[in-house]
Amino acid sequence: MSTYTTMLEGGLYSCQDEELSRLQTACLEKLYDYNATRPSEGARREALLREMFAELGEGCYIEPPLHANWGGRHVHFGRGVYANFNLTLVDDTHIYVGDRTMLGPNVVLATAGHPILPSLRERVFQYNRPIRIGQNCWLGAGVIVLPGVCIGDRSVIGAGSVVTRDIPADVVAAGVPCRVLRPIGERDRRYYYREDPIPPAYIE
């Protein structure tokens, strides 16, 4: 099995592999080009993302700067995904983000981990676990999602949370570590912020 395959499939491997370095550098060259685009170059940004990402649905928008270990090579975005400034994708294995999900500024999706055993870390060993985020989720500013985590459809993760374990669908969750606070319910159909009501015309 190649080191690249081991990297994607969750095995323990050394980050100092020369073949990995060569492949990764080519990805990072494209990421550099993306981050150097001007605000008026929307078509060029989209074209670059389609080269960089494993999958990119229609209508996605990512505010530069974007940071990604592999330049998005292992990232799968559905349709209409929006990411604000400074999205960090530690995409050493696959990251899946569903349709219409919103990622606030400074969100980190980190698939990589390192062994607790010091002698292995000295030799730069690493392992990776995929991240899966459902459809129509909202991750607030500064959320960190750790390796192997799944977040269910339509859930909201509060700003500054560190998501260490799976979060189910249709809930509001927050904290360090992140935990479920409550389900999304009837009150959320009436108010968009504290006591501020949603105009009836906006409710489907």
C-alpha atoms as a PDB file:
ATOM      1  CA  MET A   1       0.000   0.000   0.000  1.00  0.00           C
ATOM      2  CA  SER A   2       1.363   3.453  -0.909  1.00  0.00           C
ATOM      3  CA  THR A   3       1.864   6.132   1.734  1.00  0.00           C
ATOM      4  CA  TYR A   4      -0.748   8.240  -0.051  1.00  0.00           C
ATOM      5  CA  THR A   5      -3.343   5.463   0.243  1.00  0.00           C
ATOM      6  CA  THR A   6      -2.436   4.957   3.915  1.00  0.00           C
ATOM      7  CA  MET A   7      -2.903   8.690   4.471  1.00  0.00           C
ATOM      8  CA  LEU A   8      -6.423   8.630   3.012  1.00  0.00           C
ATOM      9  CA  GLU A   9      -7.504   5.371   4.685  1.00  0.00           C
ATOM     10  CA  GLY A  10      -6.604   6.227   8.277  1.00  0.00           C
ATOM     11  CA  GLY A  11      -3.364   4.337   8.796  1.00  0.00           C
ATOM     12  CA  LEU A  12      -0.289   5.600  10.609  1.00  0.00           C
ATOM     13  CA  TYR A  13       2.300   7.151   8.280  1.00  0.00           C
ATOM     14  CA  SER A  14       5.228   9.554   8.184  1.00  0.00           C
ATOM     15  CA  CYS A  15       4.554  13.073   6.866  1.00  0.00           C
ATOM     16  CA  GLN A  16       8.132  13.217   5.541  1.00  0.00           C
ATOM     17  CA  ASP A  17       7.402  10.953   2.570  1.00  0.00           C
ATOM     18  CA  GLU A  18       8.934  12.494  -0.580  1.00  0.00           C
ATOM     19  CA  GLU A  19       6.083  11.477  -2.892  1.00  0.00           C
ATOM     20  CA  LEU A  20       3.539  13.099  -0.570  1.00  0.00           C
ATOM     21  CA  SER A  21       5.610  16.272  -0.524  1.00  0.00           C
ATOM     22  CA  ARG A  22       5.710  16.421  -4.320  1.00  0.00           C
ATOM     23  CA  LEU A  23       1.953  15.933  -4.689  1.00  0.00           C
ATOM     24  CA  GLN A  24       1.152  18.383  -1.908  1.00  0.00           C
ATOM     25  CA  THR A  25       3.367  21.119  -3.336  1.00  0.00           C
ATOM     26  CA  ALA A  26       1.521  20.981  -6.666  1.00  0.00           C
ATOM     27  CA  CYS A  27      -1.792  21.441  -4.803  1.00  0.00           C
ATOM     28  CA  LEU A  28      -0.439  24.349  -2.775  1.00  0.00           C
ATOM     29  CA  GLU A  29       0.693  26.136  -5.944  1.00  0.00           C
ATOM     30  CA  LYS A  30      -2.944  26.316  -7.070  1.00  0.00           C
ATOM     31  CA  LEU A  31      -4.042  27.435  -3.620  1.00  0.00           C
ATOM     32  CA  TYR A  32      -1.503  30.267  -3.822  1.00  0.00           C
ATOM     33  CA  ASP A  33      -3.008  31.339  -7.156  1.00  0.00           C
ATOM     34  CA  TYR A  34      -6.511  31.283  -5.663  1.00  0.00           C
ATOM     35  CA  ASN A  35      -5.541  33.479  -2.738  1.00  0.00           C
ATOM     36  CA  ALA A  36      -3.839  35.929  -5.114  1.00  0.00           C
ATOM     37  CA  THR A  37      -7.035  36.580  -7.116  1.00  0.00           C
ATOM     38  CA  ARG A  38      -8.700  39.975  -7.069  1.00  0.00           C
ATOM     39  CA  PRO A  39     -12.286  40.499  -5.826  1.00  0.00           C
ATOM     40  CA  SER A  40     -13.422  41.142  -9.413  1.00  0.00           C
ATOM     41  CA  GLU A  41     -12.124  37.765 -10.632  1.00  0.00           C
ATOM     42  CA  GLY A  42     -15.084  35.617  -9.630  1.00  0.00           C
ATOM     43  CA  ALA A  43     -14.957  33.418 -12.733  1.00  0.00           C
ATOM     44  CA  ARG A  44     -11.257  32.713 -12.234  1.00  0.00           C
ATOM     45  CA  ARG A  45     -11.832  31.849  -8.571  1.00  0.00           C
ATOM     46  CA  GLU A  46     -14.528  29.351  -9.482  1.00  0.00           C
ATOM     47  CA  ALA A  47     -12.375  27.781 -12.188  1.00  0.00           C
ATOM     48  CA  LEU A  48      -9.472  27.370  -9.760  1.00  0.00           C
ATOM     49  CA  LEU A  49     -11.695  25.826  -7.098  1.00  0.00           C
ATOM     50  CA  ARG A  50     -12.967  23.294  -9.616  1.00  0.00           C
ATOM     51  CA  GLU A  51      -9.371  22.304 -10.309  1.00  0.00           C
ATOM     52  CA  MET A  52      -8.437  22.257  -6.621  1.00  0.00           C
ATOM     53  CA  PHE A  53     -11.384  20.485  -4.945  1.00  0.00           C
ATOM     54  CA  ALA A  54     -12.399  16.841  -5.232  1.00  0.00           C
ATOM     55  CA  GLU A  55     -16.017  17.983  -5.720  1.00  0.00           C
ATOM     56  CA  LEU A  56     -17.563  21.454  -5.941  1.00  0.00           C
ATOM     57  CA  GLY A  57     -21.300  21.958  -6.356  1.00  0.00           C
ATOM     58  CA  GLU A  58     -22.907  24.859  -8.182  1.00  0.00           C
ATOM     59  CA  GLY A  59     -23.074  28.235  -6.465  1.00  0.00           C
ATOM     60  CA  CYS A  60     -20.297  27.763  -3.891  1.00  0.00           C
ATOM     61  CA  TYR A  61     -18.375  30.795  -2.648  1.00  0.00           C
ATOM     62  CA  ILE A  62     -15.210  30.848  -0.534  1.00  0.00           C
ATOM     63  CA  GLU A  63     -13.789  34.153   0.659  1.00  0.00           C
ATOM     64  CA  PRO A  64      -9.991  34.292   0.365  1.00  0.00           C
ATOM     65  CA  PRO A  65      -7.734  33.701   2.110  1.00  0.00           C
ATOM     66  CA  LEU A  66      -8.362  29.970   2.128  1.00  0.00           C
ATOM     67  CA  HIS A  67      -5.916  27.683   3.940  1.00  0.00           C
ATOM     68  CA  ALA A  68      -5.746  23.975   3.093  1.00  0.00           C
ATOM     69  CA  ASN A  69      -3.040  21.363   3.655  1.00  0.00           C
ATOM     70  CA  TRP A  70      -3.753  19.813   0.268  1.00  0.00           C
ATOM     71  CA  GLY A  71      -5.319  22.828  -1.412  1.00  0.00           C
ATOM     72  CA  GLY A  72      -8.763  21.208  -1.286  1.00  0.00           C
ATOM     73  CA  ARG A  73      -7.728  18.011  -3.105  1.00  0.00           C
ATOM     74  CA  HIS A  74      -9.740  15.859  -0.667  1.00  0.00           C
ATOM     75  CA  VAL A  75     -12.633  18.295  -0.082  1.00  0.00           C
ATOM     76  CA  HIS A  76     -16.194  17.638  -1.284  1.00  0.00           C
ATOM     77  CA  PHE A  77     -18.582  20.627  -1.218  1.00  0.00           C
ATOM     78  CA  GLY A  78     -22.245  20.339  -2.156  1.00  0.00           C
ATOM     79  CA  ARG A  79     -24.283  23.082  -3.831  1.00  0.00           C
ATOM     80  CA  GLY A  80     -24.417  26.627  -2.460  1.00  0.00           C
ATOM     81  CA  VAL A  81     -21.795  26.228   0.281  1.00  0.00           C
ATOM     82  CA  TYR A  82     -20.553  29.574   1.648  1.00  0.00           C
ATOM     83  CA  ALA A  83     -17.314  29.987   3.593  1.00  0.00           C
ATOM     84  CA  ASN A  84     -16.203  33.272   5.120  1.00  0.00           C
ATOM     85  CA  PHE A  85     -12.610  34.518   5.514  1.00  0.00           C
ATOM     86  CA  ASN A  86      -9.797  32.257   6.781  1.00  0.00           C
ATOM     87  CA  LEU A  87     -11.415  28.867   6.347  1.00  0.00           C
ATOM     88  CA  THR A  88      -8.783  26.272   7.296  1.00  0.00           C
ATOM     89  CA  LEU A  89      -9.134  22.796   5.803  1.00  0.00           C
ATOM     90  CA  VAL A  90      -6.702  20.255   7.199  1.00  0.00           C
ATOM     91  CA  ASP A  91      -7.650  18.029   4.302  1.00  0.00           C
ATOM     92  CA  ASP A  92      -5.160  15.197   4.694  1.00  0.00           C
ATOM     93  CA  THR A  93      -8.159  12.935   4.122  1.00  0.00           C
ATOM     94  CA  HIS A  94     -11.703  13.583   2.961  1.00  0.00           C
ATOM     95  CA  ILE A  95     -13.933  16.437   4.158  1.00  0.00           C
ATOM     96  CA  TYR A  96     -17.602  16.409   3.109  1.00  0.00           C
ATOM     97  CA  VAL A  97     -19.816  19.515   3.421  1.00  0.00           C
ATOM     98  CA  GLY A  98     -23.482  19.324   2.379  1.00  0.00           C
ATOM     99  CA  ASP A  99     -25.609  21.663   0.280  1.00  0.00           C
ATOM    100  CA  ARG A 100     -26.265  25.218   1.520  1.00  0.00           C
ATOM    101  CA  THR A 101     -24.060  24.921   4.589  1.00  0.00           C
ATOM    102  CA  MET A 102     -22.508  28.148   5.892  1.00  0.00           C
ATOM    103  CA  LEU A 103     -19.059  28.348   7.503  1.00  0.00           C
ATOM    104  CA  GLY A 104     -18.251  31.487   9.500  1.00  0.00           C
ATOM    105  CA  PRO A 105     -14.885  33.261   9.569  1.00  0.00           C
ATOM    106  CA  ASN A 106     -11.911  31.343  10.992  1.00  0.00           C
ATOM    107  CA  VAL A 107     -13.599  27.937  10.937  1.00  0.00           C
ATOM    108  CA  VAL A 108     -11.168  24.992  11.126  1.00  0.00           C
ATOM    109  CA  LEU A 109     -12.027  21.516   9.780  1.00  0.00           C
ATOM    110  CA  ALA A 110      -9.114  19.322  10.882  1.00  0.00           C
ATOM    111  CA  THR A 111      -8.901  15.679   9.785  1.00  0.00           C
ATOM    112  CA  ALA A 112      -5.340  15.102  11.046  1.00  0.00           C
ATOM    113  CA  GLY A 113      -4.124  13.743  14.367  1.00  0.00           C
ATOM    114  CA  HIS A 114      -0.755  12.747  15.813  1.00  0.00           C
ATOM    115  CA  PRO A 115       0.023   9.850  18.173  1.00  0.00           C
ATOM    116  CA  ILE A 116       0.274  10.492  21.906  1.00  0.00           C
ATOM    117  CA  LEU A 117       3.494   8.415  22.014  1.00  0.00           C
ATOM    118  CA  PRO A 118       6.385  10.945  21.878  1.00  0.00           C
ATOM    119  CA  SER A 119       8.761   8.684  19.944  1.00  0.00           C
ATOM    120  CA  LEU A 120       6.270   8.490  17.064  1.00  0.00           C
ATOM    121  CA  ARG A 121       5.731  12.257  17.026  1.00  0.00           C
ATOM    122  CA  GLU A 122       9.494  12.765  16.861  1.00  0.00           C
ATOM    123  CA  ARG A 123       9.398  10.906  13.539  1.00  0.00           C
ATOM    124  CA  VAL A 124       6.430  13.076  12.386  1.00  0.00           C
ATOM    125  CA  PHE A 125       3.891  10.247  12.302  1.00  0.00           C
ATOM    126  CA  GLN A 126       0.279  11.138  11.626  1.00  0.00           C
ATOM    127  CA  TYR A 127      -3.163   9.589  11.067  1.00  0.00           C
ATOM    128  CA  ASN A 128      -6.359  11.059   9.606  1.00  0.00           C
ATOM    129  CA  ARG A 129     -10.109  10.608   9.966  1.00  0.00           C
ATOM    130  CA  PRO A 130     -12.750  12.096   7.611  1.00  0.00           C
ATOM    131  CA  ILE A 131     -15.133  14.881   8.610  1.00  0.00           C
ATOM    132  CA  ARG A 132     -18.759  14.946   7.456  1.00  0.00           C
ATOM    133  CA  ILE A 133     -21.016  18.006   7.776  1.00  0.00           C
ATOM    134  CA  GLY A 134     -24.624  17.760   6.629  1.00  0.00           C
ATOM    135  CA  GLN A 135     -26.863  19.979   4.558  1.00  0.00           C
ATOM    136  CA  ASN A 136     -27.998  23.470   5.582  1.00  0.00           C
ATOM    137  CA  CYS A 137     -25.794  23.639   8.669  1.00  0.00           C
ATOM    138  CA  TRP A 138     -24.311  26.831  10.098  1.00  0.00           C
ATOM    139  CA  LEU A 139     -20.939  26.802  11.850  1.00  0.00           C
ATOM    140  CA  GLY A 140     -20.317  30.111  13.616  1.00  0.00           C
ATOM    141  CA  ALA A 141     -17.077  32.082  13.725  1.00  0.00           C
ATOM    142  CA  GLY A 142     -14.052  30.223  15.067  1.00  0.00           C
ATOM    143  CA  VAL A 143     -15.611  26.759  15.237  1.00  0.00           C
ATOM    144  CA  ILE A 144     -13.065  23.911  15.275  1.00  0.00           C
ATOM    145  CA  VAL A 145     -14.160  20.461  14.083  1.00  0.00           C
ATOM    146  CA  LEU A 146     -11.807  17.616  15.021  1.00  0.00           C
ATOM    147  CA  PRO A 147     -10.965  14.384  13.140  1.00  0.00           C
ATOM    148  CA  GLY A 148     -13.739  11.862  12.533  1.00  0.00           C
ATOM    149  CA  VAL A 149     -16.632  14.134  13.549  1.00  0.00           C
ATOM    150  CA  CYS A 150     -20.040  14.068  11.823  1.00  0.00           C
ATOM    151  CA  ILE A 151     -22.540  16.953  12.120  1.00  0.00           C
ATOM    152  CA  GLY A 152     -26.142  16.225  11.145  1.00  0.00           C
ATOM    153  CA  ASP A 153     -28.315  18.134   8.688  1.00  0.00           C
ATOM    154  CA  ARG A 154     -29.623  21.596   9.623  1.00  0.00           C
ATOM    155  CA  SER A 155     -27.717  21.840  12.898  1.00  0.00           C
ATOM    156  CA  VAL A 156     -26.145  25.073  14.189  1.00  0.00           C
ATOM    157  CA  ILE A 157     -22.771  25.121  15.961  1.00  0.00           C
ATOM    158  CA  GLY A 158     -22.192  28.197  18.120  1.00  0.00           C
ATOM    159  CA  ALA A 159     -19.184  30.468  17.604  1.00  0.00           C
ATOM    160  CA  GLY A 160     -15.948  29.358  19.249  1.00  0.00           C
ATOM    161  CA  SER A 161     -17.044  25.757  19.779  1.00  0.00           C
ATOM    162  CA  VAL A 162     -14.647  22.811  19.634  1.00  0.00           C
ATOM    163  CA  VAL A 163     -16.514  19.840  18.176  1.00  0.00           C
ATOM    164  CA  THR A 164     -14.896  16.650  19.467  1.00  0.00           C
ATOM    165  CA  ARG A 165     -17.813  14.217  18.974  1.00  0.00           C
ATOM    166  CA  ASP A 166     -20.706  13.706  16.560  1.00  0.00           C
ATOM    167  CA  ILE A 167     -23.611  16.175  16.661  1.00  0.00           C
ATOM    168  CA  PRO A 168     -27.087  14.986  15.557  1.00  0.00           C
ATOM    169  CA  ALA A 169     -29.383  16.701  13.047  1.00  0.00           C
ATOM    170  CA  ASP A 170     -31.726  19.591  13.892  1.00  0.00           C
ATOM    171  CA  VAL A 171     -30.045  20.890  17.050  1.00  0.00           C
ATOM    172  CA  VAL A 172     -28.249  23.938  18.384  1.00  0.00           C
ATOM    173  CA  ALA A 173     -24.906  22.944  19.933  1.00  0.00           C
ATOM    174  CA  ALA A 174     -22.075  24.979  21.439  1.00  0.00           C
ATOM    175  CA  GLY A 175     -19.213  24.938  23.903  1.00  0.00           C
ATOM    176  CA  VAL A 176     -15.756  23.565  24.602  1.00  0.00           C
ATOM    177  CA  PRO A 177     -16.190  20.703  24.157  1.00  0.00           C
ATOM    178  CA  CYS A 178     -19.289  21.213  22.003  1.00  0.00           C
ATOM    179  CA  ARG A 179     -22.514  19.723  23.338  1.00  0.00           C
ATOM    180  CA  VAL A 180     -26.164  19.837  22.312  1.00  0.00           C
ATOM    181  CA  LEU A 181     -28.040  22.733  23.960  1.00  0.00           C
ATOM    182  CA  ARG A 182     -31.510  22.193  22.518  1.00  0.00           C
ATOM    183  CA  PRO A 183     -33.420  21.030  19.452  1.00  0.00           C
ATOM    184  CA  ILE A 184     -34.374  23.474  16.718  1.00  0.00           C
ATOM    185  CA  GLY A 185     -38.070  24.057  17.385  1.00  0.00           C
ATOM    186  CA  GLU A 186     -41.190  26.183  17.054  1.00  0.00           C
ATOM    187  CA  ARG A 187     -39.655  29.262  18.659  1.00  0.00           C
ATOM    188  CA  ASP A 188     -37.054  29.314  15.897  1.00  0.00           C
ATOM    189  CA  ARG A 189     -39.898  29.683  13.399  1.00  0.00           C
ATOM    190  CA  ARG A 190     -41.042  32.835  15.209  1.00  0.00           C
ATOM    191  CA  TYR A 191     -37.866  34.701  16.181  1.00  0.00           C
ATOM    192  CA  TYR A 192     -34.605  35.151  14.285  1.00  0.00           C
ATOM    193  CA  TYR A 193     -32.680  36.755  17.190  1.00  0.00           C
ATOM    194  CA  ARG A 194     -33.793  36.841  20.814  1.00  0.00           C
ATOM    195  CA  GLU A 195     -37.155  38.685  20.756  1.00  0.00           C
ATOM    196  CA  ASP A 196     -36.883  39.938  17.148  1.00  0.00           C
ATOM    197  CA  PRO A 197     -39.747  38.337  15.175  1.00  0.00           C
ATOM    198  CA  ILE A 198     -39.383  36.842  11.713  1.00  0.00           C
ATOM    199  CA  PRO A 199     -41.603  38.733   9.261  1.00  0.00           C
ATOM    200  CA  PRO A 200     -44.499  36.421   8.330  1.00  0.00           C
ATOM    201  CA  ALA A 201     -43.736  36.821   4.621  1.00  0.00           C
ATOM    202  CA  TYR A 202     -40.326  35.153   5.188  1.00  0.00           C
ATOM    203  CA  ILE A 203     -41.748  31.985   6.768  1.00  0.00           C
ATOM    204  CA  GLU A 204     -42.311  29.121   4.348  1.00  0.00           C
END
